[in-house]
Amino acid sequence: MLILFETPSGFAIFTFCGLLISRPNALEEVWLNFTDRWKAESAVLLEEFRTFKDKSKAINKSTGVSKRLTDMIMNCRFPEQKIAVGKLEYKRIIEERLVSISSWFIYIFEQL
């Protein structure tokens, strides 16, 4: 599973074991994978990080997903791979605007 993670200066895409967040009590248990360095390195892998001067131009309801952010997502994806995003708004924008990945299952952290 991919995770699109928003940071103060841009966006990162991580690969994360999707089985870890599909379990009951996943939100509480996922943090156990970060109790030490070895567990963290086996649970998550940084695929790509890009800074954006204005993140509101990278993804928003009126303009969709910028070419730069689209390229970043598409460079990291595999067919049928799931992606998790942290905001319902981002889920809707990605599903609406990136038609080629609209069949992906997109999870939202807040719902876990």
PDB file of N, CA and C in Angstrom:
ATOM      1  N   MET A   1       0.844  -1.174   0.000  1.00  0.00           N
ATOM      2  CA  MET A   1       0.000   0.000   0.000  1.00  0.00           C
ATOM      3  C   MET A   1       0.890   1.238   0.000  1.00  0.00           C
ATOM      4  N   LEU A   2       0.445   2.252  -0.742  1.00  0.00           N
ATOM      5  CA  LEU A   2       1.136   3.539  -0.725  1.00  0.00           C
ATOM      6  C   LEU A   2       0.438   4.475   0.244  1.00  0.00           C
ATOM      7  N   ILE A   3       1.202   5.371   0.827  1.00  0.00           N
ATOM      8  CA  ILE A   3       0.659   6.408   1.686  1.00  0.00           C
ATOM      9  C   ILE A   3       1.127   7.742   1.140  1.00  0.00           C
ATOM     10  N   LEU A   4       0.190   8.608   0.797  1.00  0.00           N
ATOM     11  CA  LEU A   4       0.500   9.976   0.407  1.00  0.00           C
ATOM     12  C   LEU A   4       0.434  10.796   1.683  1.00  0.00           C
ATOM     13  N   PHE A   5       1.576  11.320   2.093  1.00  0.00           N
ATOM     14  CA  PHE A   5       1.691  11.989   3.378  1.00  0.00           C
ATOM     15  C   PHE A   5       2.051  13.449   3.168  1.00  0.00           C
ATOM     16  N   GLU A   6       1.239  14.320   3.709  1.00  0.00           N
ATOM     17  CA  GLU A   6       1.497  15.759   3.591  1.00  0.00           C
ATOM     18  C   GLU A   6       2.389  16.209   4.743  1.00  0.00           C
ATOM     19  N   THR A   7       3.443  16.929   4.411  1.00  0.00           N
ATOM     20  CA  THR A   7       4.352  17.485   5.408  1.00  0.00           C
ATOM     21  C   THR A   7       4.251  19.010   5.352  1.00  0.00           C
ATOM     22  N   PRO A   8       4.860  19.716   6.280  1.00  0.00           N
ATOM     23  CA  PRO A   8       4.826  21.179   6.221  1.00  0.00           C
ATOM     24  C   PRO A   8       5.429  21.755   4.936  1.00  0.00           C
ATOM     25  N   SER A   9       6.372  21.052   4.326  1.00  0.00           N
ATOM     26  CA  SER A   9       7.044  21.605   3.143  1.00  0.00           C
ATOM     27  C   SER A   9       6.706  20.896   1.838  1.00  0.00           C
ATOM     28  N   GLY A  10       5.887  19.853   1.868  1.00  0.00           N
ATOM     29  CA  GLY A  10       5.581  19.155   0.626  1.00  0.00           C
ATOM     30  C   GLY A  10       4.806  17.871   0.859  1.00  0.00           C
ATOM     31  N   PHE A  11       5.074  16.900  -0.022  1.00  0.00           N
ATOM     32  CA  PHE A  11       4.403  15.606   0.047  1.00  0.00           C
ATOM     33  C   PHE A  11       5.429  14.487  -0.042  1.00  0.00           C
ATOM     34  N   ALA A  12       5.150  13.405   0.670  1.00  0.00           N
ATOM     35  CA  ALA A  12       5.980  12.206   0.620  1.00  0.00           C
ATOM     36  C   ALA A  12       5.082  11.032   0.257  1.00  0.00           C
ATOM     37  N   ILE A  13       5.671  10.062  -0.406  1.00  0.00           N
ATOM     38  CA  ILE A  13       4.970   8.808  -0.669  1.00  0.00           C
ATOM     39  C   ILE A  13       5.787   7.699  -0.026  1.00  0.00           C
ATOM     40  N   PHE A  14       5.101   6.931   0.800  1.00  0.00           N
ATOM     41  CA  PHE A  14       5.703   5.801   1.490  1.00  0.00           C
ATOM     42  C   PHE A  14       5.040   4.520   1.023  1.00  0.00           C
ATOM     43  N   THR A  15       5.791   3.436   1.047  1.00  0.00           N
ATOM     44  CA  THR A  15       5.218   2.107   0.922  1.00  0.00           C
ATOM     45  C   THR A  15       5.058   1.595   2.338  1.00  0.00           C
ATOM     46  N   PHE A  16       3.882   1.035   2.614  1.00  0.00           N
ATOM     47  CA  PHE A  16       3.563   0.561   3.954  1.00  0.00           C
ATOM     48  C   PHE A  16       2.820  -0.751   3.826  1.00  0.00           C
ATOM     49  N   CYS A  17       3.049  -1.667   4.731  1.00  0.00           N
ATOM     50  CA  CYS A  17       2.360  -2.954   4.704  1.00  0.00           C
ATOM     51  C   CYS A  17       0.875  -2.746   4.970  1.00  0.00           C
ATOM     52  N   GLY A  18       0.051  -2.900   3.958  1.00  0.00           N
ATOM     53  CA  GLY A  18      -1.381  -2.671   4.058  1.00  0.00           C
ATOM     54  C   GLY A  18      -2.079  -3.579   5.057  1.00  0.00           C
ATOM     55  N   LEU A  19      -1.526  -4.760   5.294  1.00  0.00           N
ATOM     56  CA  LEU A  19      -2.142  -5.674   6.257  1.00  0.00           C
ATOM     57  C   LEU A  19      -2.150  -5.074   7.656  1.00  0.00           C
ATOM     58  N   LEU A  20      -1.179  -4.216   7.935  1.00  0.00           N
ATOM     59  CA  LEU A  20      -1.086  -3.634   9.269  1.00  0.00           C
ATOM     60  C   LEU A  20      -2.233  -2.674   9.575  1.00  0.00           C
ATOM     61  N   ILE A  21      -2.814  -2.066   8.546  1.00  0.00           N
ATOM     62  CA  ILE A  21      -3.910  -1.139   8.821  1.00  0.00           C
ATOM     63  C   ILE A  21      -5.282  -1.732   8.517  1.00  0.00           C
ATOM     64  N   SER A  22      -5.322  -2.979   8.108  1.00  0.00           N
ATOM     65  CA  SER A  22      -6.614  -3.607   7.865  1.00  0.00           C
ATOM     66  C   SER A  22      -7.079  -4.425   9.068  1.00  0.00           C
ATOM     67  N   ARG A  23      -6.276  -4.487  10.098  1.00  0.00           N
ATOM     68  CA  ARG A  23      -6.632  -5.234  11.304  1.00  0.00           C
ATOM     69  C   ARG A  23      -7.560  -4.418  12.204  1.00  0.00           C
ATOM     70  N   PRO A  24      -8.327  -5.117  13.053  1.00  0.00           N
ATOM     71  CA  PRO A  24      -9.093  -4.381  14.069  1.00  0.00           C
ATOM     72  C   PRO A  24      -8.110  -3.641  14.980  1.00  0.00           C
ATOM     73  N   ASN A  25      -8.477  -2.514  15.475  1.00  0.00           N
ATOM     74  CA  ASN A  25      -7.625  -1.681  16.343  1.00  0.00           C
ATOM     75  C   ASN A  25      -6.342  -1.240  15.646  1.00  0.00           C
ATOM     76  N   ALA A  26      -6.399  -1.100  14.337  1.00  0.00           N
ATOM     77  CA  ALA A  26      -5.205  -0.764  13.559  1.00  0.00           C
ATOM     78  C   ALA A  26      -4.578   0.553  13.995  1.00  0.00           C
ATOM     79  N   LEU A  27      -5.388   1.554  14.268  1.00  0.00           N
ATOM     80  CA  LEU A  27      -4.848   2.850  14.629  1.00  0.00           C
ATOM     81  C   LEU A  27      -3.984   2.764  15.884  1.00  0.00           C
ATOM     82  N   GLU A  28      -4.429   2.002  16.854  1.00  0.00           N
ATOM     83  CA  GLU A  28      -3.646   1.836  18.078  1.00  0.00           C
ATOM     84  C   GLU A  28      -2.416   0.961  17.851  1.00  0.00           C
ATOM     85  N   GLU A  29      -2.587  -0.085  17.072  1.00  0.00           N
ATOM     86  CA  GLU A  29      -1.514  -1.062  16.884  1.00  0.00           C
ATOM     87  C   GLU A  29      -0.448  -0.645  15.885  1.00  0.00           C
ATOM     88  N   VAL A  30      -0.786   0.227  14.941  1.00  0.00           N
ATOM     89  CA  VAL A  30       0.182   0.593  13.909  1.00  0.00           C
ATOM     90  C   VAL A  30       1.418   1.244  14.530  1.00  0.00           C
ATOM     91  N   TRP A  31       1.234   1.968  15.607  1.00  0.00           N
ATOM     92  CA  TRP A  31       2.368   2.654  16.237  1.00  0.00           C
ATOM     93  C   TRP A  31       3.359   1.680  16.854  1.00  0.00           C
ATOM     94  N   LEU A  32       2.945   0.449  17.134  1.00  0.00           N
ATOM     95  CA  LEU A  32       3.868  -0.556  17.657  1.00  0.00           C
ATOM     96  C   LEU A  32       4.995  -0.848  16.659  1.00  0.00           C
ATOM     97  N   ASN A  33       4.729  -0.587  15.385  1.00  0.00           N
ATOM     98  CA  ASN A  33       5.745  -0.818  14.360  1.00  0.00           C
ATOM     99  C   ASN A  33       6.829   0.255  14.360  1.00  0.00           C
ATOM    100  N   PHE A  34       6.668   1.258  15.188  1.00  0.00           N
ATOM    101  CA  PHE A  34       7.638   2.341  15.232  1.00  0.00           C
ATOM    102  C   PHE A  34       8.289   2.475  16.604  1.00  0.00           C
ATOM    103  N   THR A  35       8.244   1.401  17.375  1.00  0.00           N
ATOM    104  CA  THR A  35       8.845   1.444  18.702  1.00  0.00           C
ATOM    105  C   THR A  35      10.361   1.342  18.662  1.00  0.00           C
ATOM    106  N   ASP A  36      10.889   0.811  17.598  1.00  0.00           N
ATOM    107  CA  ASP A  36      12.347   0.821  17.431  1.00  0.00           C
ATOM    108  C   ASP A  36      12.690   0.917  15.948  1.00  0.00           C
ATOM    109  N   ARG A  37      13.924   1.232  15.664  1.00  0.00           N
ATOM    110  CA  ARG A  37      14.360   1.492  14.295  1.00  0.00           C
ATOM    111  C   ARG A  37      14.164   0.284  13.375  1.00  0.00           C
ATOM    112  N   TRP A  38      14.512  -0.903  13.851  1.00  0.00           N
ATOM    113  CA  TRP A  38      14.411  -2.098  13.015  1.00  0.00           C
ATOM    114  C   TRP A  38      12.967  -2.341  12.593  1.00  0.00           C
ATOM    115  N   LYS A  39      12.029  -2.233  13.527  1.00  0.00           N
ATOM    116  CA  LYS A  39      10.621  -2.441  13.200  1.00  0.00           C
ATOM    117  C   LYS A  39      10.140  -1.383  12.203  1.00  0.00           C
ATOM    118  N   ALA A  40      10.534  -0.148  12.424  1.00  0.00           N
ATOM    119  CA  ALA A  40      10.110   0.935  11.535  1.00  0.00           C
ATOM    120  C   ALA A  40      10.636   0.723  10.124  1.00  0.00           C
ATOM    121  N   GLU A  41      11.905   0.349  10.005  1.00  0.00           N
ATOM    122  CA  GLU A  41      12.494   0.148   8.678  1.00  0.00           C
ATOM    123  C   GLU A  41      11.864  -1.021   7.942  1.00  0.00           C
ATOM    124  N   SER A  42      11.306  -1.966   8.661  1.00  0.00           N
ATOM    125  CA  SER A  42      10.655  -3.090   7.991  1.00  0.00           C
ATOM    126  C   SER A  42       9.179  -2.809   7.707  1.00  0.00           C
ATOM    127  N   ALA A  43       8.614  -1.779   8.331  1.00  0.00           N
ATOM    128  CA  ALA A  43       7.194  -1.469   8.141  1.00  0.00           C
ATOM    129  C   ALA A  43       6.944  -0.417   7.072  1.00  0.00           C
ATOM    130  N   VAL A  44       7.874   0.514   6.887  1.00  0.00           N
ATOM    131  CA  VAL A  44       7.639   1.639   5.992  1.00  0.00           C
ATOM    132  C   VAL A  44       8.911   1.965   5.206  1.00  0.00           C
ATOM    133  N   LEU A  45       8.718   2.397   3.962  1.00  0.00           N
ATOM    134  CA  LEU A  45       9.847   2.753   3.097  1.00  0.00           C
ATOM    135  C   LEU A  45       9.500   4.029   2.352  1.00  0.00           C
ATOM    136  N   LEU A  46      10.357   5.024   2.451  1.00  0.00           N
ATOM    137  CA  LEU A  46      10.136   6.266   1.716  1.00  0.00           C
ATOM    138  C   LEU A  46      10.404   6.016   0.241  1.00  0.00           C
ATOM    139  N   GLU A  47       9.407   6.276  -0.590  1.00  0.00           N
ATOM    140  CA  GLU A  47       9.561   6.119  -2.028  1.00  0.00           C
ATOM    141  C   GLU A  47      10.030   7.418  -2.675  1.00  0.00           C
ATOM    142  N   GLU A  48       9.390   8.529  -2.278  1.00  0.00           N
ATOM    143  CA  GLU A  48       9.732   9.811  -2.890  1.00  0.00           C
ATOM    144  C   GLU A  48       9.229  10.950  -2.003  1.00  0.00           C
ATOM    145  N   PHE A  49       9.964  12.050  -2.032  1.00  0.00           N
ATOM    146  CA  PHE A  49       9.551  13.265  -1.334  1.00  0.00           C
ATOM    147  C   PHE A  49       9.820  14.454  -2.243  1.00  0.00           C
ATOM    148  N   ARG A  50       8.855  15.361  -2.318  1.00  0.00           N
ATOM    149  CA  ARG A  50       9.029  16.586  -3.100  1.00  0.00           C
ATOM    150  C   ARG A  50       8.524  17.769  -2.287  1.00  0.00           C
ATOM    151  N   THR A  51       9.268  18.858  -2.359  1.00  0.00           N
ATOM    152  CA  THR A  51       8.813  20.082  -1.717  1.00  0.00           C
ATOM    153  C   THR A  51       7.921  20.846  -2.691  1.00  0.00           C
ATOM    154  N   PHE A  52       7.008  21.595  -2.141  1.00  0.00           N
ATOM    155  CA  PHE A  52       6.102  22.440  -2.914  1.00  0.00           C
ATOM    156  C   PHE A  52       6.048  23.797  -2.231  1.00  0.00           C
ATOM    157  N   LYS A  53       6.350  24.848  -2.978  1.00  0.00           N
ATOM    158  CA  LYS A  53       6.277  26.195  -2.405  1.00  0.00           C
ATOM    159  C   LYS A  53       4.872  26.493  -1.910  1.00  0.00           C
ATOM    160  N   ASP A  54       3.887  26.127  -2.706  1.00  0.00           N
ATOM    161  CA  ASP A  54       2.490  26.365  -2.358  1.00  0.00           C
ATOM    162  C   ASP A  54       1.741  25.045  -2.511  1.00  0.00           C
ATOM    163  N   LYS A  55       1.538  24.342  -1.404  1.00  0.00           N
ATOM    164  CA  LYS A  55       0.888  23.034  -1.465  1.00  0.00           C
ATOM    165  C   LYS A  55      -0.560  23.132  -1.934  1.00  0.00           C
ATOM    166  N   SER A  56      -1.181  24.292  -1.742  1.00  0.00           N
ATOM    167  CA  SER A  56      -2.568  24.435  -2.185  1.00  0.00           C
ATOM    168  C   SER A  56      -2.671  24.384  -3.708  1.00  0.00           C
ATOM    169  N   LYS A  57      -1.573  24.623  -4.402  1.00  0.00           N
ATOM    170  CA  LYS A  57      -1.570  24.491  -5.859  1.00  0.00           C
ATOM    171  C   LYS A  57      -1.263  23.062  -6.295  1.00  0.00           C
ATOM    172  N   ALA A  58      -0.733  22.266  -5.398  1.00  0.00           N
ATOM    173  CA  ALA A  58      -0.402  20.880  -5.719  1.00  0.00           C
ATOM    174  C   ALA A  58      -1.653  20.013  -5.779  1.00  0.00           C
ATOM    175  N   ILE A  59      -2.596  20.279  -4.896  1.00  0.00           N
ATOM    176  CA  ILE A  59      -3.845  19.520  -4.892  1.00  0.00           C
ATOM    177  C   ILE A  59      -4.941  20.408  -4.300  1.00  0.00           C
ATOM    178  N   ASN A  60      -5.970  20.652  -5.125  1.00  0.00           N
ATOM    179  CA  ASN A  60      -7.123  21.408  -4.643  1.00  0.00           C
ATOM    180  C   ASN A  60      -8.332  21.108  -5.513  1.00  0.00           C
ATOM    181  N   LYS A  61      -9.475  21.442  -4.980  1.00  0.00           N
ATOM    182  CA  LYS A  61     -10.738  21.077  -5.628  1.00  0.00           C
ATOM    183  C   LYS A  61     -10.922  21.725  -7.004  1.00  0.00           C
ATOM    184  N   SER A  62     -10.501  22.967  -7.163  1.00  0.00           N
ATOM    185  CA  SER A  62     -10.769  23.655  -8.429  1.00  0.00           C
ATOM    186  C   SER A  62      -9.805  23.269  -9.549  1.00  0.00           C
ATOM    187  N   THR A  63      -8.532  23.012  -9.222  1.00  0.00           N
ATOM    188  CA  THR A  63      -7.567  22.678 -10.280  1.00  0.00           C
ATOM    189  C   THR A  63      -7.168  21.211 -10.294  1.00  0.00           C
ATOM    190  N   GLY A  64      -7.555  20.460  -9.277  1.00  0.00           N
ATOM    191  CA  GLY A  64      -7.216  19.038  -9.236  1.00  0.00           C
ATOM    192  C   GLY A  64      -5.842  18.780  -8.670  1.00  0.00           C
ATOM    193  N   VAL A  65      -5.122  17.875  -9.301  1.00  0.00           N
ATOM    194  CA  VAL A  65      -3.792  17.469  -8.851  1.00  0.00           C
ATOM    195  C   VAL A  65      -2.779  18.015  -9.847  1.00  0.00           C
ATOM    196  N   SER A  66      -1.773  18.713  -9.339  1.00  0.00           N
ATOM    197  CA  SER A  66      -0.777  19.307 -10.233  1.00  0.00           C
ATOM    198  C   SER A  66      -0.010  18.228 -10.987  1.00  0.00           C
ATOM    199  N   LYS A  67       0.582  18.616 -12.100  1.00  0.00           N
ATOM    200  CA  LYS A  67       1.370  17.677 -12.900  1.00  0.00           C
ATOM    201  C   LYS A  67       2.512  17.094 -12.068  1.00  0.00           C
ATOM    202  N   ARG A  68       3.129  17.936 -11.271  1.00  0.00           N
ATOM    203  CA  ARG A  68       4.261  17.491 -10.452  1.00  0.00           C
ATOM    204  C   ARG A  68       3.841  16.432  -9.431  1.00  0.00           C
ATOM    205  N   LEU A  69       2.725  16.654  -8.754  1.00  0.00           N
ATOM    206  CA  LEU A  69       2.245  15.671  -7.781  1.00  0.00           C
ATOM    207  C   LEU A  69       1.710  14.430  -8.489  1.00  0.00           C
ATOM    208  N   THR A  70       1.046  14.607  -9.615  1.00  0.00           N
ATOM    209  CA  THR A  70       0.577  13.463 -10.405  1.00  0.00           C
ATOM    210  C   THR A  70       1.755  12.594 -10.827  1.00  0.00           C
ATOM    211  N   ASP A  71       2.805  13.210 -11.345  1.00  0.00           N
ATOM    212  CA  ASP A  71       3.998  12.451 -11.758  1.00  0.00           C
ATOM    213  C   ASP A  71       4.587  11.678 -10.584  1.00  0.00           C
ATOM    214  N   MET A  72       4.612  12.324  -9.432  1.00  0.00           N
ATOM    215  CA  MET A  72       5.152  11.673  -8.234  1.00  0.00           C
ATOM    216  C   MET A  72       4.336  10.431  -7.876  1.00  0.00           C
ATOM    217  N   ILE A  73       3.016  10.569  -7.871  1.00  0.00           N
ATOM    218  CA  ILE A  73       2.145   9.435  -7.553  1.00  0.00           C
ATOM    219  C   ILE A  73       2.293   8.325  -8.591  1.00  0.00           C
ATOM    220  N   MET A  74       2.259   8.697  -9.859  1.00  0.00           N
ATOM    221  CA  MET A  74       2.317   7.700 -10.926  1.00  0.00           C
ATOM    222  C   MET A  74       3.673   6.992 -10.999  1.00  0.00           C
ATOM    223  N   ASN A  75       4.738   7.678 -10.634  1.00  0.00           N
ATOM    224  CA  ASN A  75       6.071   7.060 -10.633  1.00  0.00           C
ATOM    225  C   ASN A  75       6.203   5.996  -9.551  1.00  0.00           C
ATOM    226  N   CYS A  76       5.421   6.104  -8.494  1.00  0.00           N
ATOM    227  CA  CYS A  76       5.526   5.174  -7.368  1.00  0.00           C
ATOM    228  C   CYS A  76       4.516   4.042  -7.413  1.00  0.00           C
ATOM    229  N   ARG A  77       3.533   4.143  -8.268  1.00  0.00           N
ATOM    230  CA  ARG A  77       2.432   3.191  -8.234  1.00  0.00           C
ATOM    231  C   ARG A  77       2.708   1.910  -9.010  1.00  0.00           C
ATOM    232  N   PHE A  78       2.036   0.866  -8.574  1.00  0.00           N
ATOM    233  CA  PHE A  78       1.973  -0.406  -9.288  1.00  0.00           C
ATOM    234  C   PHE A  78       0.503  -0.655  -9.587  1.00  0.00           C
ATOM    235  N   PRO A  79       0.188  -1.391 -10.637  1.00  0.00           N
ATOM    236  CA  PRO A  79      -1.215  -1.680 -10.923  1.00  0.00           C
ATOM    237  C   PRO A  79      -1.916  -2.307  -9.716  1.00  0.00           C
ATOM    238  N   GLU A  80      -3.133  -1.863  -9.465  1.00  0.00           N
ATOM    239  CA  GLU A  80      -3.983  -2.364  -8.381  1.00  0.00           C
ATOM    240  C   GLU A  80      -3.471  -2.048  -6.976  1.00  0.00           C
ATOM    241  N   GLN A  81      -2.435  -1.253  -6.855  1.00  0.00           N
ATOM    242  CA  GLN A  81      -1.916  -0.907  -5.535  1.00  0.00           C
ATOM    243  C   GLN A  81      -2.827   0.104  -4.859  1.00  0.00           C
ATOM    244  N   LYS A  82      -3.065  -0.081  -3.588  1.00  0.00           N
ATOM    245  CA  LYS A  82      -3.921   0.816  -2.825  1.00  0.00           C
ATOM    246  C   LYS A  82      -3.117   2.020  -2.357  1.00  0.00           C
ATOM    247  N   ILE A  83      -3.820   3.133  -2.133  1.00  0.00           N
ATOM    248  CA  ILE A  83      -3.171   4.334  -1.637  1.00  0.00           C
ATOM    249  C   ILE A  83      -3.994   4.871  -0.462  1.00  0.00           C
ATOM    250  N   ALA A  84      -3.300   5.332   0.538  1.00  0.00           N
ATOM    251  CA  ALA A  84      -3.953   5.940   1.694  1.00  0.00           C
ATOM    252  C   ALA A  84      -3.635   7.422   1.697  1.00  0.00           C
ATOM    253  N   VAL A  85      -4.641   8.220   1.998  1.00  0.00           N
ATOM    254  CA  VAL A  85      -4.459   9.667   2.107  1.00  0.00           C
ATOM    255  C   VAL A  85      -5.024  10.115   3.448  1.00  0.00           C
ATOM    256  N   GLY A  86      -4.612  11.268   3.908  1.00  0.00           N
ATOM    257  CA  GLY A  86      -5.007  11.724   5.230  1.00  0.00           C
ATOM    258  C   GLY A  86      -6.233  12.608   5.277  1.00  0.00           C
ATOM    259  N   LYS A  87      -6.730  13.020   4.124  1.00  0.00           N
ATOM    260  CA  LYS A  87      -7.886  13.918   4.107  1.00  0.00           C
ATOM    261  C   LYS A  87      -8.923  13.418   3.108  1.00  0.00           C
ATOM    262  N   LEU A  88     -10.173  13.461   3.531  1.00  0.00           N
ATOM    263  CA  LEU A  88     -11.264  13.047   2.651  1.00  0.00           C
ATOM    264  C   LEU A  88     -11.268  13.891   1.385  1.00  0.00           C
ATOM    265  N   GLU A  89     -10.955  15.163   1.497  1.00  0.00           N
ATOM    266  CA  GLU A  89     -10.887  16.060   0.339  1.00  0.00           C
ATOM    267  C   GLU A  89      -9.871  15.552  -0.691  1.00  0.00           C
ATOM    268  N   TYR A  90      -8.702  15.115  -0.226  1.00  0.00           N
ATOM    269  CA  TYR A  90      -7.681  14.593  -1.140  1.00  0.00           C
ATOM    270  C   TYR A  90      -8.162  13.326  -1.830  1.00  0.00           C
ATOM    271  N   LYS A  91      -8.842  12.466  -1.085  1.00  0.00           N
ATOM    272  CA  LYS A  91      -9.391  11.238  -1.663  1.00  0.00           C
ATOM    273  C   LYS A  91     -10.322  11.582  -2.823  1.00  0.00           C
ATOM    274  N   ARG A  92     -11.217  12.514  -2.591  1.00  0.00           N
ATOM    275  CA  ARG A  92     -12.183  12.897  -3.620  1.00  0.00           C
ATOM    276  C   ARG A  92     -11.507  13.524  -4.835  1.00  0.00           C
ATOM    277  N   ILE A  93     -10.542  14.388  -4.601  1.00  0.00           N
ATOM    278  CA  ILE A  93      -9.841  15.043  -5.708  1.00  0.00           C
ATOM    279  C   ILE A  93      -9.081  14.020  -6.538  1.00  0.00           C
ATOM    280  N   ILE A  94      -8.378  13.121  -5.889  1.00  0.00           N
ATOM    281  CA  ILE A  94      -7.599  12.106  -6.605  1.00  0.00           C
ATOM    282  C   ILE A  94      -8.522  11.195  -7.401  1.00  0.00           C
ATOM    283  N   GLU A  95      -9.594  10.732  -6.798  1.00  0.00           N
ATOM    284  CA  GLU A  95     -10.529   9.853  -7.510  1.00  0.00           C
ATOM    285  C   GLU A  95     -11.182  10.567  -8.688  1.00  0.00           C
ATOM    286  N   GLU A  96     -11.491  11.839  -8.511  1.00  0.00           N
ATOM    287  CA  GLU A  96     -12.163  12.619  -9.545  1.00  0.00           C
ATOM    288  C   GLU A  96     -11.233  12.985 -10.691  1.00  0.00           C
ATOM    289  N   ARG A  97     -10.027  13.384 -10.370  1.00  0.00           N
ATOM    290  CA  ARG A  97      -9.130  13.972 -11.368  1.00  0.00           C
ATOM    291  C   ARG A  97      -8.127  13.013 -11.973  1.00  0.00           C
ATOM    292  N   LEU A  98      -7.705  12.022 -11.210  1.00  0.00           N
ATOM    293  CA  LEU A  98      -6.738  11.050 -11.752  1.00  0.00           C
ATOM    294  C   LEU A  98      -7.501   9.790 -12.139  1.00  0.00           C
ATOM    295  N   VAL A  99      -8.177   9.863 -13.268  1.00  0.00           N
ATOM    296  CA  VAL A  99      -9.056   8.787 -13.720  1.00  0.00           C
ATOM    297  C   VAL A  99      -8.313   7.464 -13.827  1.00  0.00           C
ATOM    298  N   SER A 100      -7.044   7.488 -14.207  1.00  0.00           N
ATOM    299  CA  SER A 100      -6.300   6.238 -14.390  1.00  0.00           C
ATOM    300  C   SER A 100      -6.104   5.477 -13.091  1.00  0.00           C
ATOM    301  N   ILE A 101      -6.269   6.150 -11.938  1.00  0.00           N
ATOM    302  CA  ILE A 101      -6.152   5.429 -10.676  1.00  0.00           C
ATOM    303  C   ILE A 101      -7.449   5.446  -9.884  1.00  0.00           C
ATOM    304  N   SER A 102      -8.532   5.864 -10.514  1.00  0.00           N
ATOM    305  CA  SER A 102      -9.794   5.963  -9.784  1.00  0.00           C
ATOM    306  C   SER A 102     -10.303   4.603  -9.322  1.00  0.00           C
ATOM    307  N   SER A 103      -9.794   3.530  -9.896  1.00  0.00           N
ATOM    308  CA  SER A 103     -10.223   2.205  -9.460  1.00  0.00           C
ATOM    309  C   SER A 103      -9.425   1.720  -8.249  1.00  0.00           C
ATOM    310  N   TRP A 104      -8.405   2.458  -7.847  1.00  0.00           N
ATOM    311  CA  TRP A 104      -7.665   2.104  -6.638  1.00  0.00           C
ATOM    312  C   TRP A 104      -8.598   2.242  -5.454  1.00  0.00           C
ATOM    313  N   PHE A 105      -8.367   1.431  -4.463  1.00  0.00           N
ATOM    314  CA  PHE A 105      -9.071   1.625  -3.201  1.00  0.00           C
ATOM    315  C   PHE A 105      -8.281   2.665  -2.434  1.00  0.00           C
ATOM    316  N   ILE A 106      -8.918   3.721  -2.042  1.00  0.00           N
ATOM    317  CA  ILE A 106      -8.216   4.792  -1.350  1.00  0.00           C
ATOM    318  C   ILE A 106      -8.728   4.864   0.078  1.00  0.00           C
ATOM    319  N   TYR A 107      -7.853   4.617   1.010  1.00  0.00           N
ATOM    320  CA  TYR A 107      -8.202   4.667   2.419  1.00  0.00           C
ATOM    321  C   TYR A 107      -7.932   6.058   2.962  1.00  0.00           C
ATOM    322  N   ILE A 108      -8.590   6.376   4.028  1.00  0.00           N
ATOM    323  CA  ILE A 108      -8.367   7.656   4.685  1.00  0.00           C
ATOM    324  C   ILE A 108      -7.960   7.366   6.118  1.00  0.00           C
ATOM    325  N   PHE A 109      -6.829   7.918   6.550  1.00  0.00           N
ATOM    326  CA  PHE A 109      -6.330   7.668   7.894  1.00  0.00           C
ATOM    327  C   PHE A 109      -7.373   7.957   8.968  1.00  0.00           C
ATOM    328  N   GLU A 110      -8.092   9.055   8.802  1.00  0.00           N
ATOM    329  CA  GLU A 110      -9.052   9.479   9.813  1.00  0.00           C
ATOM    330  C   GLU A 110     -10.132   8.432  10.050  1.00  0.00           C
ATOM    331  N   GLN A 111     -10.364   7.557   9.086  1.00  0.00           N
ATOM    332  CA  GLN A 111     -11.419   6.557   9.238  1.00  0.00           C
ATOM    333  C   GLN A 111     -10.930   5.278   9.891  1.00  0.00           C
ATOM    334  N   LEU A 112      -9.646   5.142  10.098  1.00  0.00           N
ATOM    335  CA  LEU A 112      -9.111   3.914  10.679  1.00  0.00           C
ATOM    336  C   LEU A 112      -9.442   3.816  12.147  1.00  0.00           C
TER     337      LEU A 112
END
